[in-house]
N, C-alpha and C. Protein backbone atom coordinates (compact mmCIF):
# COMPACT_ATOMS: atom_id res chain seq x y z
N MET A 1 0.82 -1.19 -0.02
CA MET A 1 -0.02 -0.05 -0.03
C MET A 1 0.80 1.25 -0.05
N ALA A 2 2.09 1.14 -0.04
CA ALA A 2 2.99 2.32 -0.05
C ALA A 2 2.62 3.04 -1.41
N GLY A 3 2.76 4.32 -1.26
CA GLY A 3 2.44 5.20 -2.48
C GLY A 3 1.05 5.62 -2.63
N LEU A 4 0.25 5.33 -1.54
CA LEU A 4 -1.08 5.82 -1.50
C LEU A 4 -1.07 7.36 -1.41
N SER A 5 -2.01 7.99 -2.18
CA SER A 5 -2.14 9.44 -2.10
C SER A 5 -2.90 9.74 -0.72
N GLN A 6 -2.83 11.01 -0.22
CA GLN A 6 -3.40 11.45 1.00
C GLN A 6 -4.94 11.18 0.90
N GLU A 7 -5.54 11.43 -0.34
CA GLU A 7 -6.95 11.21 -0.47
C GLU A 7 -7.36 9.70 -0.27
N GLU A 8 -6.50 8.77 -0.79
CA GLU A 8 -6.68 7.36 -0.68
C GLU A 8 -6.49 7.04 0.84
N LYS A 9 -5.58 7.47 1.46
CA LYS A 9 -5.39 7.13 2.98
C LYS A 9 -6.50 7.60 3.66
N SER A 10 -7.08 8.78 3.45
CA SER A 10 -8.19 9.34 4.15
C SER A 10 -9.50 8.49 3.86
N LEU A 11 -9.70 8.07 2.62
CA LEU A 11 -10.84 7.30 2.26
C LEU A 11 -10.87 5.85 3.02
N VAL A 12 -9.64 5.33 3.17
CA VAL A 12 -9.43 3.99 3.80
C VAL A 12 -9.78 4.17 5.29
N GLN A 13 -9.21 5.30 5.91
CA GLN A 13 -9.56 5.56 7.36
C GLN A 13 -10.93 5.74 7.62
N GLU A 14 -11.58 6.52 6.72
CA GLU A 14 -13.15 6.85 6.83
C GLU A 14 -13.85 5.51 6.79
N ALA A 15 -13.41 4.62 5.80
CA ALA A 15 -14.18 3.29 5.68
C ALA A 15 -13.98 2.55 6.95
N ILE A 16 -12.85 2.54 7.60
CA ILE A 16 -12.59 1.79 8.79
C ILE A 16 -13.46 2.29 9.82
N GLN A 17 -13.55 3.67 9.94
CA GLN A 17 -14.41 4.20 10.94
C GLN A 17 -15.89 3.89 10.81
N VAL A 18 -16.38 3.89 9.58
CA VAL A 18 -17.79 3.54 9.28
C VAL A 18 -17.94 2.09 9.67
N TYR A 19 -17.06 1.18 9.30
CA TYR A 19 -17.15 -0.20 9.60
C TYR A 19 -17.26 -0.35 11.13
N LEU A 20 -16.41 0.32 11.88
CA LEU A 20 -16.42 0.13 13.28
C LEU A 20 -17.87 0.67 13.89
N GLN A 21 -18.39 1.67 13.40
CA GLN A 21 -19.69 2.14 13.80
C GLN A 21 -20.77 1.03 13.61
N ILE A 22 -20.67 0.39 12.50
CA ILE A 22 -21.65 -0.68 12.21
C ILE A 22 -21.44 -1.79 13.19
N VAL A 23 -20.16 -2.27 13.25
CA VAL A 23 -19.83 -3.42 14.04
C VAL A 23 -20.34 -3.20 15.46
N SER A 24 -20.10 -1.98 16.13
CA SER A 24 -20.31 -1.79 17.34
C SER A 24 -21.85 -1.88 17.70
N ARG A 25 -22.68 -1.82 16.74
CA ARG A 25 -24.12 -1.93 16.90
C ARG A 25 -24.62 -3.41 16.87
N GLN A 26 -23.69 -4.31 16.21
CA GLN A 26 -24.18 -5.59 15.90
C GLN A 26 -23.52 -6.69 16.60
N MET A 27 -22.39 -6.50 17.27
CA MET A 27 -21.60 -7.51 17.83
C MET A 27 -21.45 -7.29 19.38
N PRO A 28 -21.03 -8.37 19.99
CA PRO A 28 -20.76 -8.16 21.39
C PRO A 28 -19.55 -7.32 21.71
N GLN A 29 -19.64 -6.65 22.83
CA GLN A 29 -18.56 -5.59 23.21
C GLN A 29 -17.20 -6.15 23.15
N ALA A 30 -17.02 -7.44 23.66
CA ALA A 30 -15.69 -8.01 23.75
C ALA A 30 -15.11 -8.14 22.33
N HIS A 31 -15.97 -8.53 21.42
CA HIS A 31 -15.58 -8.70 20.00
C HIS A 31 -15.21 -7.35 19.35
N VAL A 32 -16.04 -6.39 19.71
CA VAL A 32 -15.88 -5.02 19.08
C VAL A 32 -14.52 -4.52 19.51
N GLN A 33 -14.13 -4.73 20.83
CA GLN A 33 -12.81 -4.18 21.35
C GLN A 33 -11.62 -4.78 20.57
N LYS A 34 -11.78 -6.12 20.29
CA LYS A 34 -10.70 -6.77 19.49
C LYS A 34 -10.62 -6.10 18.18
N ILE A 35 -11.73 -5.91 17.51
CA ILE A 35 -11.73 -5.27 16.15
C ILE A 35 -11.20 -3.90 16.23
N VAL A 36 -11.57 -3.05 17.35
CA VAL A 36 -11.04 -1.76 17.44
C VAL A 36 -9.47 -1.69 17.54
N GLN A 37 -9.03 -2.59 18.29
CA GLN A 37 -7.52 -2.63 18.48
C GLN A 37 -6.84 -3.04 17.05
N ILE A 38 -7.38 -3.87 16.29
CA ILE A 38 -6.95 -4.17 15.00
C ILE A 38 -6.97 -2.98 14.01
N ALA A 39 -8.16 -2.22 14.17
CA ALA A 39 -8.40 -1.13 13.32
C ALA A 39 -7.45 -0.01 13.65
N GLU A 40 -7.17 0.26 14.90
CA GLU A 40 -6.16 1.29 15.38
C GLU A 40 -4.86 1.00 14.73
N GLY A 41 -4.32 -0.29 14.80
CA GLY A 41 -3.13 -0.66 14.23
C GLY A 41 -3.09 -0.44 12.77
N ALA A 42 -4.20 -0.83 12.09
CA ALA A 42 -4.32 -0.54 10.67
C ALA A 42 -4.30 0.99 10.29
N ILE A 43 -4.98 1.82 11.00
CA ILE A 43 -4.90 3.22 10.87
C ILE A 43 -3.58 3.74 11.05
N LYS A 44 -2.86 3.29 12.06
CA LYS A 44 -1.44 3.74 12.39
C LYS A 44 -0.62 3.35 11.30
N LYS A 45 -0.69 2.19 10.70
CA LYS A 45 0.13 1.85 9.49
C LYS A 45 -0.24 2.63 8.23
N ILE A 46 -1.44 2.98 8.05
CA ILE A 46 -1.77 3.78 6.79
C ILE A 46 -1.19 5.22 7.13
N GLU A 47 -1.24 5.75 8.27
CA GLU A 47 -0.71 7.09 8.51
C GLU A 47 0.79 7.17 8.29
N THR A 48 1.47 5.98 8.51
CA THR A 48 2.88 6.03 8.46
C THR A 48 3.39 5.60 7.14
N LEU A 49 2.63 5.36 6.18
CA LEU A 49 3.03 4.96 4.80
C LEU A 49 3.86 6.08 4.29
N ASP A 50 4.94 5.74 3.69
CA ASP A 50 5.76 6.85 3.03
C ASP A 50 6.42 6.10 1.88
N ALA A 51 6.65 6.85 0.80
CA ALA A 51 7.13 6.17 -0.42
C ALA A 51 8.69 6.14 -0.37
N GLY A 52 9.34 6.87 0.41
CA GLY A 52 10.84 6.85 0.54
C GLY A 52 11.27 7.33 1.88
N GLY A 53 12.63 7.53 2.04
CA GLY A 53 13.16 8.00 3.25
C GLY A 53 13.34 6.92 4.24
N LYS A 54 13.96 7.22 5.32
CA LYS A 54 14.20 6.25 6.38
C LYS A 54 12.90 5.79 7.15
N GLY A 55 12.88 4.70 7.44
CA GLY A 55 11.78 4.13 8.20
C GLY A 55 10.55 3.88 7.53
N GLY A 56 9.45 3.78 8.36
CA GLY A 56 8.17 3.49 7.83
C GLY A 56 7.35 4.69 7.50
N GLY A 57 7.92 5.84 7.70
CA GLY A 57 7.12 7.05 7.28
C GLY A 57 6.68 7.84 8.68
N LYS A 58 5.91 8.77 8.39
CA LYS A 58 5.60 9.76 9.41
C LYS A 58 4.57 9.10 10.36
N PRO A 59 5.03 9.09 11.66
CA PRO A 59 4.05 8.54 12.68
C PRO A 59 2.74 9.38 12.80
N MET A 60 1.60 8.75 13.23
CA MET A 60 0.40 9.41 13.43
C MET A 60 0.57 10.45 14.38
N GLY A 61 0.00 11.77 14.12
CA GLY A 61 0.01 12.82 14.98
C GLY A 61 1.22 13.71 14.85
N ILE A 62 2.18 13.37 13.97
CA ILE A 62 3.34 14.16 13.72
C ILE A 62 3.28 15.00 12.53
N THR A 63 3.58 16.36 12.63
CA THR A 63 3.43 17.16 11.60
C THR A 63 4.52 16.91 10.54
N ASP A 64 4.26 17.44 9.27
CA ASP A 64 5.28 17.23 8.18
C ASP A 64 6.56 17.91 8.62
N GLU A 65 6.44 19.02 9.25
CA GLU A 65 7.73 19.80 9.67
C GLU A 65 8.45 18.97 10.60
N TRP A 66 7.91 18.43 11.67
CA TRP A 66 8.62 17.57 12.62
C TRP A 66 9.23 16.42 11.92
N TYR A 67 8.43 15.73 11.12
CA TYR A 67 8.97 14.52 10.38
C TYR A 67 10.20 14.86 9.59
N LYS A 68 10.04 15.90 8.78
CA LYS A 68 11.23 16.36 7.98
C LYS A 68 12.45 16.73 8.73
N HIS A 69 12.32 17.45 9.77
CA HIS A 69 13.46 18.11 10.58
C HIS A 69 13.84 17.21 11.68
N VAL A 70 13.08 16.32 12.23
CA VAL A 70 13.42 15.69 13.36
C VAL A 70 13.33 14.08 13.11
N CYS A 71 12.20 13.62 12.74
CA CYS A 71 11.97 12.15 12.77
C CYS A 71 12.92 11.45 11.75
N LYS A 72 13.13 12.10 10.65
CA LYS A 72 13.88 11.31 9.60
C LYS A 72 15.36 11.03 10.06
N THR A 73 15.80 11.87 10.98
CA THR A 73 17.16 11.59 11.54
C THR A 73 17.13 10.80 12.86
N CYS A 74 15.95 10.62 13.39
CA CYS A 74 15.93 10.04 14.77
C CYS A 74 16.24 8.58 14.66
N ASP A 75 16.97 8.05 15.64
CA ASP A 75 17.26 6.58 15.60
C ASP A 75 16.10 5.69 16.12
N LYS A 76 15.10 6.31 16.66
CA LYS A 76 13.97 5.59 17.12
C LYS A 76 12.94 5.28 15.94
N LEU A 77 13.12 5.85 14.78
CA LEU A 77 12.23 5.67 13.65
C LEU A 77 12.67 4.30 12.95
N SER A 78 11.88 3.34 12.90
CA SER A 78 12.04 2.05 12.27
C SER A 78 11.15 1.79 11.07
N ALA A 79 11.30 0.77 10.44
CA ALA A 79 10.37 0.37 9.30
C ALA A 79 8.97 0.38 9.68
N SER A 80 8.69 0.13 10.94
CA SER A 80 7.32 0.05 11.31
C SER A 80 6.70 1.35 12.02
N GLY A 81 7.54 2.34 11.94
CA GLY A 81 7.18 3.66 12.52
C GLY A 81 8.01 4.01 13.63
N CYS A 82 7.56 4.98 14.47
CA CYS A 82 8.29 5.47 15.65
C CYS A 82 8.15 4.34 16.84
N GLU A 83 9.29 4.10 17.42
CA GLU A 83 9.39 3.15 18.53
C GLU A 83 9.42 3.83 19.87
N ASP A 84 9.36 5.22 19.90
CA ASP A 84 9.39 5.87 21.12
C ASP A 84 7.99 5.75 21.88
N LYS A 85 8.03 5.31 23.01
CA LYS A 85 6.77 5.06 23.78
C LYS A 85 6.02 6.43 24.06
N VAL A 86 6.75 7.48 24.38
CA VAL A 86 6.15 8.80 24.55
C VAL A 86 5.48 9.31 23.31
N THR A 87 6.05 9.19 22.18
CA THR A 87 5.54 9.60 20.97
C THR A 87 4.18 8.89 20.61
N GLU A 88 4.21 7.52 20.93
CA GLU A 88 3.18 6.64 20.74
C GLU A 88 1.92 7.21 21.42
N LYS A 89 2.10 7.62 22.60
CA LYS A 89 0.96 8.09 23.50
C LYS A 89 0.67 9.63 23.34
N PHE A 90 1.74 10.29 23.16
CA PHE A 90 1.61 11.76 23.04
C PHE A 90 2.48 12.31 21.89
N PRO A 91 1.91 12.26 20.65
CA PRO A 91 2.67 12.66 19.50
C PRO A 91 3.23 14.17 19.69
N GLY A 92 4.50 14.10 19.31
CA GLY A 92 5.09 15.53 19.44
C GLY A 92 5.65 15.88 20.71
N LYS A 93 5.55 14.97 21.63
CA LYS A 93 5.97 15.32 23.05
C LYS A 93 7.37 14.60 23.41
N CYS A 94 7.97 14.01 22.38
CA CYS A 94 9.20 13.29 22.68
C CYS A 94 10.34 14.40 22.78
N ASP A 95 11.52 14.06 23.32
CA ASP A 95 12.54 14.96 23.63
C ASP A 95 13.11 15.61 22.26
N PRO A 96 13.36 14.87 21.28
CA PRO A 96 13.95 15.41 20.05
C PRO A 96 13.01 16.51 19.39
N ILE A 97 11.66 16.18 19.48
CA ILE A 97 10.80 17.25 18.87
C ILE A 97 10.64 18.47 19.90
N LEU A 98 10.68 18.19 21.12
CA LEU A 98 10.72 19.36 22.05
C LEU A 98 11.91 20.12 21.97
N HIS A 99 13.05 19.62 21.84
CA HIS A 99 14.32 20.35 21.57
C HIS A 99 14.23 21.10 20.38
N TYR A 100 13.73 20.52 19.22
CA TYR A 100 13.61 21.26 18.00
C TYR A 100 12.72 22.50 18.14
N GLU A 101 11.60 22.34 18.78
CA GLU A 101 10.69 23.44 19.04
C GLU A 101 11.34 24.53 19.85
N GLN A 102 12.06 24.19 20.84
CA GLN A 102 12.79 25.13 21.74
C GLN A 102 13.80 25.82 20.89
N ASN A 103 14.61 25.10 20.14
CA ASN A 103 15.64 25.80 19.24
C ASN A 103 14.94 26.78 18.28
N LYS A 104 13.80 26.38 17.79
CA LYS A 104 13.09 27.34 16.77
C LYS A 104 12.75 28.57 17.46
N LEU A 105 12.20 28.49 18.74
CA LEU A 105 11.87 29.72 19.39
C LEU A 105 13.07 30.63 19.74
N LYS A 106 14.23 30.04 19.94
CA LYS A 106 15.38 30.78 20.20
C LYS A 106 15.90 31.60 18.95
N SER A 107 15.60 31.06 17.83
CA SER A 107 16.16 31.61 16.64
C SER A 107 15.33 32.88 16.12
């Protein structure tokens, strides 16, 4: 799926969200929770698709600017996305991005 346009990525994400709405009305809650976890993983993968560059692409919640100036050179970016636990829970709150933003303010 690498090489999807932003419109294609958005369409797939919207389709997943509609599917989850339908499933949540028709299936037991325990089953819905399993499907939600799978869908969240799929959406994260779609968000991180990138045609080139290091790693798996821009992590979900990361701006293009942060990705270009910080993430592409970060050693925590892998083929599957960002492996930093802070970024996973709080996009943009990892130390490299915070340092980048502080340096930007000083300039």
